[in-house]
Amino acid sequence: MLKDIVIKTINEFQKDCLELCKNHYPTVHNKGMSEHHLARTFIRRIETNFTHFKIENRVHPLETSEAFEHPAQFRISTAEGTIWLLSQHLLSANQNHRRRLFAEITNWHQEYSFAIQPNDFLVVLCDHWFTKSVSSRELLSWWHGDLPIDSKLYSQAGINLLSSETSFVQALDSQFGIAPCFITHGHPLLSNQARTKVFKYVQLYAIFEWQ
């Protein structure tokens, strides 16, 4: 049930981000969401869902967060299990930022390996504004391990996606022997005039069930 609630939260979280964008326009349109706002928006939504299903929960920021005053990493404890949340704003999709994301996951695992229980969930949230750089255009392929089936829609939006030689999923499988039980991406922002998806802004979501 916990995984279903997390997936439900991700789907509803996109609508919450759209509302946040309306309240903070043009900041989100110009820069994307901060890691702290990504995490807090997700937490508010999942707390609402837990309340709906009458599941008690406790939320604590992780001490491994770089900026503890504005944490982007949280532990959400319930009787059903624990959700570990890591968020990152990918200002760039280059190798340094990809390595930083992988390093944060590695640091989290090393720091909290004593507390991670079977069937706990790690949720990774990222966002990014596409640019014309090669690393940016490779991002979705790197995230999923392959190009999305609707690549033509990106081409129509002026984003020519490229295949990546490396893979986020393969790297985690090699390091930890885990694969995502849910991985996707979304475009929660809408253009002001046509009310169509803003493909140049993307959010990345992955759920890993720890064994």
N, C-alpha and C. Protein backbone atom coordinates (compact mmCIF):
# COMPACT_ATOMS: atom_id res chain seq x y z
N MET A 1 0.82 -1.21 0.00
CA MET A 1 0.00 0.00 0.00
C MET A 1 0.86 1.27 0.00
N LEU A 2 2.01 1.19 0.69
CA LEU A 2 2.88 2.35 0.79
C LEU A 2 3.35 2.80 -0.60
N LYS A 3 3.74 1.85 -1.43
CA LYS A 3 4.18 2.20 -2.79
C LYS A 3 3.06 2.86 -3.57
N ASP A 4 1.84 2.37 -3.43
CA ASP A 4 0.69 2.97 -4.14
C ASP A 4 0.49 4.42 -3.72
N ILE A 5 0.67 4.69 -2.42
CA ILE A 5 0.50 6.05 -1.93
C ILE A 5 1.60 6.96 -2.49
N VAL A 6 2.82 6.44 -2.57
CA VAL A 6 3.92 7.24 -3.11
C VAL A 6 3.66 7.57 -4.58
N ILE A 7 3.21 6.58 -5.36
CA ILE A 7 2.92 6.82 -6.78
C ILE A 7 1.77 7.81 -6.93
N LYS A 8 0.75 7.65 -6.12
CA LYS A 8 -0.37 8.59 -6.12
C LYS A 8 0.13 10.00 -5.81
N THR A 9 1.04 10.10 -4.85
CA THR A 9 1.58 11.40 -4.46
C THR A 9 2.35 12.03 -5.61
N ILE A 10 3.16 11.25 -6.31
CA ILE A 10 3.92 11.79 -7.45
C ILE A 10 2.98 12.33 -8.52
N ASN A 11 1.92 11.61 -8.80
CA ASN A 11 0.97 12.07 -9.82
C ASN A 11 0.29 13.37 -9.41
N GLU A 12 -0.07 13.48 -8.13
CA GLU A 12 -0.73 14.70 -7.64
C GLU A 12 0.27 15.83 -7.41
N PHE A 13 1.48 15.47 -7.11
CA PHE A 13 2.56 16.42 -6.87
C PHE A 13 2.76 17.33 -8.09
N GLN A 14 2.58 16.77 -9.28
CA GLN A 14 2.75 17.57 -10.50
C GLN A 14 1.73 18.72 -10.55
N LYS A 15 0.50 18.45 -10.12
CA LYS A 15 -0.51 19.52 -10.08
C LYS A 15 -0.15 20.56 -9.03
N ASP A 16 0.41 20.11 -7.90
CA ASP A 16 0.84 21.04 -6.86
C ASP A 16 1.94 21.96 -7.38
N CYS A 17 2.85 21.41 -8.18
CA CYS A 17 3.94 22.21 -8.73
C CYS A 17 3.40 23.27 -9.68
N LEU A 18 2.36 22.92 -10.43
CA LEU A 18 1.74 23.89 -11.32
C LEU A 18 1.15 25.04 -10.52
N GLU A 19 0.49 24.73 -9.41
CA GLU A 19 -0.07 25.78 -8.56
C GLU A 19 1.04 26.63 -7.96
N LEU A 20 2.13 25.97 -7.56
CA LEU A 20 3.26 26.72 -6.99
C LEU A 20 3.83 27.67 -8.03
N CYS A 21 3.87 27.22 -9.28
CA CYS A 21 4.38 28.06 -10.37
C CYS A 21 3.51 29.30 -10.54
N LYS A 22 2.20 29.14 -10.44
CA LYS A 22 1.30 30.28 -10.58
C LYS A 22 1.58 31.33 -9.51
N ASN A 23 1.91 30.86 -8.30
CA ASN A 23 2.15 31.77 -7.18
C ASN A 23 3.54 32.40 -7.20
N HIS A 24 4.46 31.76 -7.93
CA HIS A 24 5.85 32.23 -7.94
C HIS A 24 6.35 32.48 -9.36
N TYR A 25 5.45 32.84 -10.25
CA TYR A 25 5.84 33.15 -11.62
C TYR A 25 6.52 34.53 -11.62
N PRO A 26 7.66 34.77 -12.31
CA PRO A 26 8.27 33.83 -13.26
C PRO A 26 9.44 33.05 -12.68
N THR A 27 9.59 33.03 -11.34
CA THR A 27 10.77 32.40 -10.74
C THR A 27 10.94 30.95 -11.18
N VAL A 28 9.86 30.16 -11.09
CA VAL A 28 9.96 28.75 -11.47
C VAL A 28 10.24 28.62 -12.96
N HIS A 29 9.61 29.48 -13.76
CA HIS A 29 9.82 29.43 -15.20
C HIS A 29 11.26 29.77 -15.57
N ASN A 30 11.88 30.61 -14.78
CA ASN A 30 13.24 31.03 -15.09
C ASN A 30 14.30 30.08 -14.56
N LYS A 31 14.05 29.52 -13.38
CA LYS A 31 15.10 28.78 -12.69
C LYS A 31 14.74 27.35 -12.35
N GLY A 32 13.48 26.97 -12.45
CA GLY A 32 13.08 25.68 -11.92
C GLY A 32 12.79 25.80 -10.43
N MET A 33 12.53 24.69 -9.77
CA MET A 33 12.23 24.71 -8.35
C MET A 33 13.49 24.41 -7.55
N SER A 34 13.63 25.05 -6.40
CA SER A 34 14.76 24.73 -5.53
C SER A 34 14.57 23.31 -4.99
N GLU A 35 15.67 22.72 -4.57
CA GLU A 35 15.59 21.36 -4.02
C GLU A 35 14.71 21.34 -2.78
N HIS A 36 14.80 22.37 -1.98
CA HIS A 36 13.98 22.45 -0.77
C HIS A 36 12.50 22.52 -1.12
N HIS A 37 12.13 23.34 -2.11
CA HIS A 37 10.73 23.45 -2.49
C HIS A 37 10.22 22.16 -3.14
N LEU A 38 11.06 21.50 -3.91
CA LEU A 38 10.68 20.20 -4.47
C LEU A 38 10.29 19.25 -3.35
N ALA A 39 11.18 19.15 -2.36
CA ALA A 39 10.96 18.21 -1.26
C ALA A 39 9.75 18.59 -0.42
N ARG A 40 9.64 19.88 -0.06
CA ARG A 40 8.54 20.29 0.81
C ARG A 40 7.18 20.14 0.10
N THR A 41 7.13 20.40 -1.20
CA THR A 41 5.88 20.24 -1.94
C THR A 41 5.46 18.78 -1.97
N PHE A 42 6.42 17.89 -2.15
CA PHE A 42 6.13 16.45 -2.13
C PHE A 42 5.64 16.04 -0.75
N ILE A 43 6.30 16.53 0.29
CA ILE A 43 5.93 16.13 1.66
C ILE A 43 4.53 16.60 2.01
N ARG A 44 4.18 17.83 1.64
CA ARG A 44 2.83 18.31 1.92
C ARG A 44 1.78 17.43 1.27
N ARG A 45 2.05 17.00 0.04
CA ARG A 45 1.09 16.15 -0.66
C ARG A 45 1.00 14.77 -0.02
N ILE A 46 2.13 14.17 0.33
CA ILE A 46 2.07 12.81 0.88
C ILE A 46 1.47 12.84 2.29
N GLU A 47 1.67 13.91 3.04
CA GLU A 47 1.03 14.02 4.35
C GLU A 47 -0.49 14.10 4.19
N THR A 48 -0.95 14.80 3.16
CA THR A 48 -2.39 14.86 2.88
C THR A 48 -2.92 13.47 2.56
N ASN A 49 -2.18 12.71 1.77
CA ASN A 49 -2.62 11.36 1.42
C ASN A 49 -2.60 10.43 2.62
N PHE A 50 -1.59 10.56 3.46
CA PHE A 50 -1.54 9.74 4.67
C PHE A 50 -2.73 10.05 5.58
N THR A 51 -3.07 11.32 5.69
CA THR A 51 -4.23 11.70 6.50
C THR A 51 -5.50 11.09 5.93
N HIS A 52 -5.62 11.11 4.60
CA HIS A 52 -6.80 10.53 3.95
C HIS A 52 -6.93 9.04 4.26
N PHE A 53 -5.81 8.34 4.27
CA PHE A 53 -5.83 6.88 4.53
C PHE A 53 -5.64 6.55 6.01
N LYS A 54 -5.66 7.60 6.86
CA LYS A 54 -5.55 7.43 8.30
C LYS A 54 -4.26 6.70 8.70
N ILE A 55 -3.16 7.12 8.08
CA ILE A 55 -1.85 6.56 8.39
C ILE A 55 -1.02 7.62 9.11
N GLU A 56 -0.65 7.35 10.34
CA GLU A 56 0.18 8.30 11.08
C GLU A 56 1.59 8.33 10.50
N ASN A 57 2.18 9.52 10.49
CA ASN A 57 3.53 9.65 9.93
C ASN A 57 4.29 10.74 10.65
N ARG A 58 5.61 10.63 10.58
CA ARG A 58 6.50 11.64 11.15
C ARG A 58 7.54 12.01 10.09
N VAL A 59 7.78 13.29 9.95
CA VAL A 59 8.73 13.78 8.93
C VAL A 59 9.92 14.42 9.63
N HIS A 60 11.13 14.00 9.24
CA HIS A 60 12.35 14.56 9.81
C HIS A 60 13.35 14.84 8.69
N PRO A 61 13.96 16.02 8.66
CA PRO A 61 15.03 16.27 7.69
C PRO A 61 16.24 15.42 8.04
N LEU A 62 16.98 15.02 7.03
CA LEU A 62 18.18 14.22 7.26
C LEU A 62 19.35 15.15 7.56
N GLU A 63 20.15 14.75 8.52
CA GLU A 63 21.28 15.59 8.91
C GLU A 63 22.37 15.62 7.85
N THR A 64 22.27 14.74 6.86
CA THR A 64 23.27 14.75 5.79
C THR A 64 22.99 15.84 4.77
N SER A 65 21.83 16.53 4.89
CA SER A 65 21.52 17.61 3.96
C SER A 65 22.60 18.68 4.01
N GLU A 66 23.03 19.15 2.83
CA GLU A 66 24.11 20.13 2.78
C GLU A 66 23.69 21.44 3.44
N ALA A 67 22.49 21.91 3.15
CA ALA A 67 22.01 23.16 3.75
C ALA A 67 20.87 22.80 4.69
N PHE A 68 21.22 22.62 5.98
CA PHE A 68 20.23 22.08 6.91
C PHE A 68 19.08 23.05 7.15
N GLU A 69 19.32 24.35 6.95
CA GLU A 69 18.24 25.32 7.14
C GLU A 69 17.18 25.18 6.07
N HIS A 70 17.58 24.70 4.90
CA HIS A 70 16.64 24.47 3.80
C HIS A 70 16.86 23.05 3.26
N PRO A 71 16.53 22.05 4.06
CA PRO A 71 16.87 20.66 3.70
C PRO A 71 16.15 20.19 2.44
N ALA A 72 16.80 19.29 1.74
CA ALA A 72 16.23 18.70 0.53
C ALA A 72 16.13 17.19 0.66
N GLN A 73 16.47 16.68 1.85
CA GLN A 73 16.44 15.24 2.10
C GLN A 73 15.67 14.99 3.39
N PHE A 74 14.74 14.03 3.32
CA PHE A 74 13.86 13.81 4.46
C PHE A 74 13.63 12.32 4.69
N ARG A 75 13.26 12.03 5.92
CA ARG A 75 12.82 10.69 6.32
C ARG A 75 11.36 10.79 6.75
N ILE A 76 10.50 10.00 6.13
CA ILE A 76 9.07 10.00 6.43
C ILE A 76 8.74 8.63 7.02
N SER A 77 8.49 8.58 8.32
CA SER A 77 8.30 7.31 9.03
C SER A 77 6.82 7.02 9.23
N THR A 78 6.43 5.79 8.94
CA THR A 78 5.07 5.32 9.20
C THR A 78 5.14 3.91 9.75
N ALA A 79 4.01 3.43 10.26
CA ALA A 79 3.95 2.04 10.73
C ALA A 79 4.08 1.06 9.57
N GLU A 80 3.78 1.53 8.35
CA GLU A 80 3.86 0.69 7.15
C GLU A 80 5.28 0.56 6.63
N GLY A 81 6.15 1.47 7.03
CA GLY A 81 7.51 1.49 6.53
C GLY A 81 8.00 2.93 6.43
N THR A 82 9.23 3.10 5.95
CA THR A 82 9.85 4.43 5.88
C THR A 82 10.07 4.82 4.43
N ILE A 83 9.82 6.10 4.15
CA ILE A 83 10.12 6.68 2.84
C ILE A 83 11.29 7.62 3.02
N TRP A 84 12.34 7.41 2.25
CA TRP A 84 13.51 8.28 2.27
C TRP A 84 13.47 9.14 1.01
N LEU A 85 13.46 10.44 1.19
CA LEU A 85 13.28 11.37 0.07
C LEU A 85 14.54 12.18 -0.18
N LEU A 86 15.05 12.10 -1.42
CA LEU A 86 16.19 12.91 -1.85
C LEU A 86 15.76 13.73 -3.06
N SER A 87 16.01 15.01 -3.03
CA SER A 87 15.65 15.86 -4.18
C SER A 87 16.86 16.66 -4.64
N GLN A 88 16.88 16.94 -5.93
CA GLN A 88 18.00 17.71 -6.48
C GLN A 88 17.53 18.52 -7.68
N HIS A 89 17.92 19.79 -7.70
CA HIS A 89 17.69 20.65 -8.85
C HIS A 89 18.89 20.52 -9.77
N LEU A 90 18.68 19.98 -10.96
CA LEU A 90 19.77 19.80 -11.91
C LEU A 90 19.91 21.08 -12.73
N LEU A 91 20.68 22.02 -12.20
CA LEU A 91 20.93 23.26 -12.92
C LEU A 91 21.57 22.95 -14.26
N SER A 92 22.40 21.92 -14.26
CA SER A 92 22.99 21.39 -15.49
C SER A 92 22.83 19.89 -15.46
N ALA A 93 22.84 19.28 -16.64
CA ALA A 93 22.75 17.81 -16.71
C ALA A 93 24.12 17.19 -16.99
N ASN A 94 25.18 17.97 -16.77
CA ASN A 94 26.51 17.45 -17.10
C ASN A 94 26.95 16.38 -16.11
N GLN A 95 28.12 15.82 -16.36
CA GLN A 95 28.59 14.69 -15.56
C GLN A 95 28.79 15.08 -14.10
N ASN A 96 29.18 16.31 -13.83
CA ASN A 96 29.38 16.73 -12.44
C ASN A 96 28.08 16.67 -11.65
N HIS A 97 27.00 17.16 -12.25
CA HIS A 97 25.71 17.14 -11.55
C HIS A 97 25.16 15.72 -11.45
N ARG A 98 25.39 14.90 -12.45
CA ARG A 98 24.96 13.50 -12.36
C ARG A 98 25.73 12.78 -11.27
N ARG A 99 27.03 13.03 -11.20
CA ARG A 99 27.84 12.40 -10.15
C ARG A 99 27.42 12.90 -8.77
N ARG A 100 27.03 14.17 -8.70
CA ARG A 100 26.57 14.70 -7.41
C ARG A 100 25.32 13.98 -6.94
N LEU A 101 24.38 13.72 -7.86
CA LEU A 101 23.17 12.99 -7.49
C LEU A 101 23.52 11.59 -7.01
N PHE A 102 24.38 10.92 -7.75
CA PHE A 102 24.78 9.56 -7.37
C PHE A 102 25.52 9.58 -6.03
N ALA A 103 26.34 10.60 -5.82
CA ALA A 103 27.08 10.72 -4.55
C ALA A 103 26.13 10.92 -3.38
N GLU A 104 25.07 11.70 -3.58
CA GLU A 104 24.10 11.93 -2.51
C GLU A 104 23.40 10.62 -2.13
N ILE A 105 23.07 9.81 -3.13
CA ILE A 105 22.44 8.52 -2.84
C ILE A 105 23.42 7.62 -2.10
N THR A 106 24.67 7.62 -2.54
CA THR A 106 25.70 6.80 -1.88
C THR A 106 25.92 7.26 -0.45
N ASN A 107 26.01 8.58 -0.24
CA ASN A 107 26.21 9.11 1.11
C ASN A 107 25.02 8.77 2.02
N TRP A 108 23.81 8.89 1.46
CA TRP A 108 22.62 8.53 2.24
C TRP A 108 22.69 7.07 2.67
N HIS A 109 23.05 6.19 1.74
CA HIS A 109 23.10 4.76 2.05
C HIS A 109 24.16 4.47 3.11
N GLN A 110 25.32 5.11 3.00
CA GLN A 110 26.38 4.88 3.97
C GLN A 110 25.99 5.42 5.35
N GLU A 111 25.34 6.58 5.38
CA GLU A 111 25.00 7.22 6.64
C GLU A 111 23.86 6.51 7.37
N TYR A 112 22.92 5.95 6.60
CA TYR A 112 21.70 5.41 7.22
C TYR A 112 21.52 3.91 6.96
N SER A 113 22.57 3.24 6.57
CA SER A 113 22.45 1.80 6.29
C SER A 113 21.95 1.03 7.52
N PHE A 114 22.28 1.52 8.71
CA PHE A 114 21.85 0.85 9.94
C PHE A 114 20.34 0.97 10.14
N ALA A 115 19.73 2.00 9.54
CA ALA A 115 18.31 2.27 9.77
C ALA A 115 17.42 1.82 8.61
N ILE A 116 18.01 1.56 7.46
CA ILE A 116 17.22 1.16 6.28
C ILE A 116 16.73 -0.26 6.47
N GLN A 117 15.43 -0.43 6.37
CA GLN A 117 14.80 -1.73 6.58
C GLN A 117 14.28 -2.30 5.26
N PRO A 118 14.14 -3.63 5.18
CA PRO A 118 13.52 -4.23 3.99
C PRO A 118 12.15 -3.60 3.73
N ASN A 119 11.89 -3.33 2.48
CA ASN A 119 10.62 -2.73 2.03
C ASN A 119 10.53 -1.23 2.29
N ASP A 120 11.61 -0.61 2.77
CA ASP A 120 11.67 0.84 2.79
C ASP A 120 11.73 1.34 1.35
N PHE A 121 11.33 2.59 1.15
CA PHE A 121 11.33 3.17 -0.20
C PHE A 121 12.24 4.39 -0.25
N LEU A 122 13.08 4.43 -1.27
CA LEU A 122 13.87 5.61 -1.58
C LEU A 122 13.19 6.32 -2.75
N VAL A 123 12.84 7.59 -2.56
CA VAL A 123 12.23 8.39 -3.61
C VAL A 123 13.22 9.47 -4.03
N VAL A 124 13.51 9.53 -5.33
CA VAL A 124 14.42 10.52 -5.87
C VAL A 124 13.63 11.46 -6.78
N LEU A 125 13.71 12.77 -6.49
CA LEU A 125 13.03 13.79 -7.28
C LEU A 125 14.07 14.76 -7.82
N CYS A 126 13.97 15.07 -9.11
CA CYS A 126 14.87 16.05 -9.73
C CYS A 126 14.07 16.91 -10.69
N ASP A 127 14.60 18.10 -10.97
CA ASP A 127 14.02 18.88 -12.05
C ASP A 127 15.13 19.53 -12.86
N HIS A 128 14.78 19.95 -14.09
CA HIS A 128 15.80 20.44 -15.02
C HIS A 128 15.13 21.24 -16.13
N TRP A 129 15.79 22.31 -16.55
CA TRP A 129 15.40 23.05 -17.74
C TRP A 129 16.30 22.59 -18.89
N PHE A 130 15.70 22.07 -19.96
CA PHE A 130 16.50 21.63 -21.10
C PHE A 130 17.23 22.80 -21.74
N THR A 131 18.46 22.52 -22.16
CA THR A 131 19.25 23.47 -22.95
C THR A 131 19.67 22.76 -24.24
N LYS A 132 20.48 23.43 -25.02
CA LYS A 132 20.95 22.83 -26.27
C LYS A 132 22.22 22.00 -26.08
N SER A 133 22.69 21.89 -24.84
CA SER A 133 23.90 21.11 -24.58
C SER A 133 23.63 19.62 -24.81
N VAL A 134 24.67 18.90 -25.14
CA VAL A 134 24.55 17.46 -25.36
C VAL A 134 24.10 16.74 -24.09
N SER A 135 24.68 17.11 -22.95
CA SER A 135 24.34 16.44 -21.69
C SER A 135 22.88 16.65 -21.33
N SER A 136 22.35 17.84 -21.61
CA SER A 136 20.94 18.11 -21.33
C SER A 136 20.04 17.27 -22.22
N ARG A 137 20.37 17.19 -23.47
CA ARG A 137 19.53 16.43 -24.41
C ARG A 137 19.65 14.92 -24.19
N GLU A 138 20.69 14.49 -23.48
CA GLU A 138 20.84 13.07 -23.13
C GLU A 138 20.12 12.70 -21.84
N LEU A 139 19.62 13.68 -21.11
CA LEU A 139 19.17 13.45 -19.73
C LEU A 139 18.08 12.38 -19.62
N LEU A 140 17.05 12.45 -20.45
CA LEU A 140 15.96 11.47 -20.34
C LEU A 140 16.44 10.06 -20.65
N SER A 141 17.33 9.94 -21.63
CA SER A 141 17.90 8.62 -21.94
C SER A 141 18.74 8.12 -20.77
N TRP A 142 19.51 9.02 -20.15
CA TRP A 142 20.32 8.63 -18.99
C TRP A 142 19.41 8.22 -17.83
N TRP A 143 18.32 8.92 -17.64
CA TRP A 143 17.42 8.64 -16.52
C TRP A 143 16.72 7.30 -16.69
N HIS A 144 16.19 7.04 -17.88
CA HIS A 144 15.38 5.84 -18.12
C HIS A 144 16.20 4.66 -18.64
N GLY A 145 17.35 4.94 -19.23
CA GLY A 145 18.10 3.88 -19.89
C GLY A 145 17.77 3.79 -21.36
N ASP A 146 16.87 4.63 -21.83
CA ASP A 146 16.47 4.64 -23.24
C ASP A 146 15.72 5.94 -23.52
N LEU A 147 15.58 6.27 -24.78
CA LEU A 147 14.82 7.46 -25.15
C LEU A 147 13.32 7.22 -24.95
N PRO A 148 12.56 8.24 -24.58
CA PRO A 148 11.11 8.07 -24.45
C PRO A 148 10.47 7.79 -25.79
N ILE A 149 9.34 7.08 -25.77
CA ILE A 149 8.69 6.69 -27.02
C ILE A 149 8.07 7.89 -27.73
N ASP A 150 7.85 8.98 -27.00
CA ASP A 150 7.25 10.16 -27.61
C ASP A 150 8.30 11.23 -27.95
N SER A 151 9.47 10.79 -28.39
CA SER A 151 10.57 11.72 -28.68
C SER A 151 10.18 12.78 -29.71
N LYS A 152 9.26 12.44 -30.62
CA LYS A 152 8.85 13.40 -31.65
C LYS A 152 8.22 14.64 -31.04
N LEU A 153 7.53 14.48 -29.92
CA LEU A 153 6.93 15.64 -29.26
C LEU A 153 7.99 16.62 -28.79
N TYR A 154 9.13 16.09 -28.38
CA TYR A 154 10.23 16.96 -27.94
C TYR A 154 10.84 17.67 -29.13
N SER A 155 10.97 16.95 -30.23
CA SER A 155 11.51 17.58 -31.45
C SER A 155 10.62 18.73 -31.88
N GLN A 156 9.31 18.53 -31.77
CA GLN A 156 8.37 19.59 -32.14
C GLN A 156 8.49 20.79 -31.22
N ALA A 157 8.96 20.55 -29.99
CA ALA A 157 9.14 21.64 -29.03
C ALA A 157 10.55 22.22 -29.10
N GLY A 158 11.34 21.78 -30.08
CA GLY A 158 12.69 22.30 -30.26
C GLY A 158 13.74 21.62 -29.43
N ILE A 159 13.42 20.43 -28.88
CA ILE A 159 14.36 19.68 -28.05
C ILE A 159 14.71 18.39 -28.78
N ASN A 160 15.90 18.31 -29.29
CA ASN A 160 16.33 17.12 -30.03
C ASN A 160 17.07 16.18 -29.07
N LEU A 161 16.33 15.22 -28.54
CA LEU A 161 16.88 14.32 -27.54
C LEU A 161 17.96 13.42 -28.14
N LEU A 162 18.93 13.05 -27.29
CA LEU A 162 20.02 12.17 -27.71
C LEU A 162 20.10 10.97 -26.77
N SER A 163 20.65 9.88 -27.28
CA SER A 163 20.87 8.69 -26.45
C SER A 163 22.11 8.88 -25.60
N SER A 164 22.05 8.37 -24.38
CA SER A 164 23.18 8.46 -23.45
C SER A 164 23.91 7.12 -23.39
N GLU A 165 25.23 7.20 -23.32
CA GLU A 165 26.02 5.97 -23.22
C GLU A 165 26.02 5.43 -21.80
N THR A 166 25.67 6.27 -20.83
CA THR A 166 25.61 5.83 -19.44
C THR A 166 24.16 5.87 -18.97
N SER A 167 23.90 5.23 -17.84
CA SER A 167 22.52 5.11 -17.35
C SER A 167 22.48 5.23 -15.83
N PHE A 168 21.60 6.07 -15.35
CA PHE A 168 21.36 6.22 -13.92
C PHE A 168 20.93 4.89 -13.30
N VAL A 169 20.00 4.21 -13.96
CA VAL A 169 19.47 2.94 -13.45
C VAL A 169 20.57 1.88 -13.40
N GLN A 170 21.38 1.80 -14.46
CA GLN A 170 22.44 0.80 -14.49
C GLN A 170 23.49 1.08 -13.42
N ALA A 171 23.78 2.35 -13.19
CA ALA A 171 24.78 2.71 -12.18
C ALA A 171 24.32 2.28 -10.79
N LEU A 172 23.04 2.50 -10.47
CA LEU A 172 22.52 2.10 -9.16
C LEU A 172 22.45 0.59 -9.03
N ASP A 173 22.11 -0.09 -10.12
CA ASP A 173 22.08 -1.55 -10.09
C ASP A 173 23.48 -2.10 -9.85
N SER A 174 24.48 -1.49 -10.48
CA SER A 174 25.86 -1.94 -10.31
C SER A 174 26.35 -1.68 -8.90
N GLN A 175 25.98 -0.52 -8.33
CA GLN A 175 26.48 -0.13 -7.01
C GLN A 175 25.73 -0.83 -5.87
N PHE A 176 24.39 -0.90 -6.00
CA PHE A 176 23.58 -1.38 -4.89
C PHE A 176 22.76 -2.63 -5.20
N GLY A 177 22.73 -3.03 -6.45
CA GLY A 177 21.95 -4.20 -6.83
C GLY A 177 20.45 -3.96 -6.74
N ILE A 178 20.02 -2.72 -7.01
CA ILE A 178 18.59 -2.39 -6.97
C ILE A 178 18.15 -1.81 -8.31
N ALA A 179 16.87 -1.98 -8.58
CA ALA A 179 16.27 -1.40 -9.77
C ALA A 179 15.01 -0.65 -9.35
N PRO A 180 14.63 0.39 -10.05
CA PRO A 180 13.43 1.13 -9.64
C PRO A 180 12.17 0.29 -9.81
N CYS A 181 11.26 0.40 -8.86
CA CYS A 181 9.95 -0.23 -9.01
C CYS A 181 8.99 0.73 -9.71
N PHE A 182 9.43 1.98 -9.85
CA PHE A 182 8.64 2.99 -10.57
C PHE A 182 9.60 4.08 -11.00
N ILE A 183 9.60 4.42 -12.28
CA ILE A 183 10.45 5.51 -12.77
C ILE A 183 9.73 6.20 -13.92
N THR A 184 9.70 7.50 -13.87
CA THR A 184 9.00 8.24 -14.91
C THR A 184 9.49 9.68 -14.92
N HIS A 185 8.91 10.48 -15.75
CA HIS A 185 9.21 11.92 -15.78
C HIS A 185 7.92 12.64 -16.14
N GLY A 186 7.88 13.93 -15.87
CA GLY A 186 6.67 14.69 -16.16
C GLY A 186 7.00 16.13 -16.49
N HIS A 187 6.01 16.80 -17.07
CA HIS A 187 6.15 18.21 -17.43
C HIS A 187 4.95 18.95 -16.82
N PRO A 188 5.07 19.35 -15.55
CA PRO A 188 3.91 19.89 -14.84
C PRO A 188 3.53 21.32 -15.25
N LEU A 189 4.46 22.05 -15.85
CA LEU A 189 4.17 23.45 -16.17
C LEU A 189 3.39 23.55 -17.49
N LEU A 190 2.53 24.54 -17.56
CA LEU A 190 1.75 24.81 -18.76
C LEU A 190 2.06 26.21 -19.26
N SER A 191 2.06 26.37 -20.58
CA SER A 191 2.28 27.70 -21.15
C SER A 191 1.11 28.60 -20.80
N ASN A 192 1.36 29.87 -20.65
CA ASN A 192 0.31 30.80 -20.24
C ASN A 192 -0.78 30.96 -21.28
N GLN A 193 -0.42 30.94 -22.54
CA GLN A 193 -1.39 31.23 -23.59
C GLN A 193 -2.11 29.98 -24.08
N ALA A 194 -1.36 29.00 -24.56
CA ALA A 194 -1.98 27.82 -25.16
C ALA A 194 -2.38 26.78 -24.13
N ARG A 195 -1.87 26.93 -22.89
CA ARG A 195 -2.13 25.94 -21.82
C ARG A 195 -1.68 24.55 -22.24
N THR A 196 -0.56 24.49 -22.95
CA THR A 196 0.03 23.22 -23.34
C THR A 196 1.26 22.97 -22.48
N LYS A 197 1.71 21.71 -22.44
CA LYS A 197 2.86 21.36 -21.62
C LYS A 197 4.10 22.13 -22.04
N VAL A 198 4.86 22.57 -21.04
CA VAL A 198 6.15 23.19 -21.29
C VAL A 198 7.20 22.07 -21.28
N PHE A 199 7.53 21.55 -22.46
CA PHE A 199 8.43 20.39 -22.53
C PHE A 199 9.85 20.74 -22.11
N LYS A 200 10.20 22.01 -22.15
CA LYS A 200 11.57 22.38 -21.80
C LYS A 200 11.84 22.27 -20.30
N TYR A 201 10.78 22.17 -19.50
CA TYR A 201 10.95 21.95 -18.07
C TYR A 201 10.52 20.52 -17.74
N VAL A 202 11.39 19.76 -17.11
CA VAL A 202 11.09 18.36 -16.82
C VAL A 202 11.36 18.05 -15.35
N GLN A 203 10.52 17.22 -14.79
CA GLN A 203 10.76 16.65 -13.47
C GLN A 203 10.97 15.16 -13.61
N LEU A 204 11.90 14.63 -12.84
CA LEU A 204 12.26 13.22 -12.88
C LEU A 204 11.89 12.57 -11.56
N TYR A 205 11.27 11.38 -11.64
CA TYR A 205 10.81 10.69 -10.43
C TYR A 205 11.25 9.23 -10.48
N ALA A 206 11.76 8.74 -9.37
CA ALA A 206 12.11 7.32 -9.28
C ALA A 206 11.84 6.81 -7.87
N ILE A 207 11.31 5.59 -7.79
CA ILE A 207 11.06 4.94 -6.50
C ILE A 207 11.84 3.63 -6.47
N PHE A 208 12.60 3.43 -5.43
CA PHE A 208 13.35 2.19 -5.25
C PHE A 208 12.86 1.53 -3.95
N GLU A 209 12.51 0.26 -4.05
CA GLU A 209 12.11 -0.49 -2.86
C GLU A 209 13.31 -1.27 -2.37
N TRP A 210 13.76 -0.94 -1.16
CA TRP A 210 14.96 -1.57 -0.62
C TRP A 210 14.66 -3.00 -0.20
N GLN A 211 15.54 -3.91 -0.55
CA GLN A 211 15.34 -5.33 -0.24
C GLN A 211 16.26 -5.73 0.93
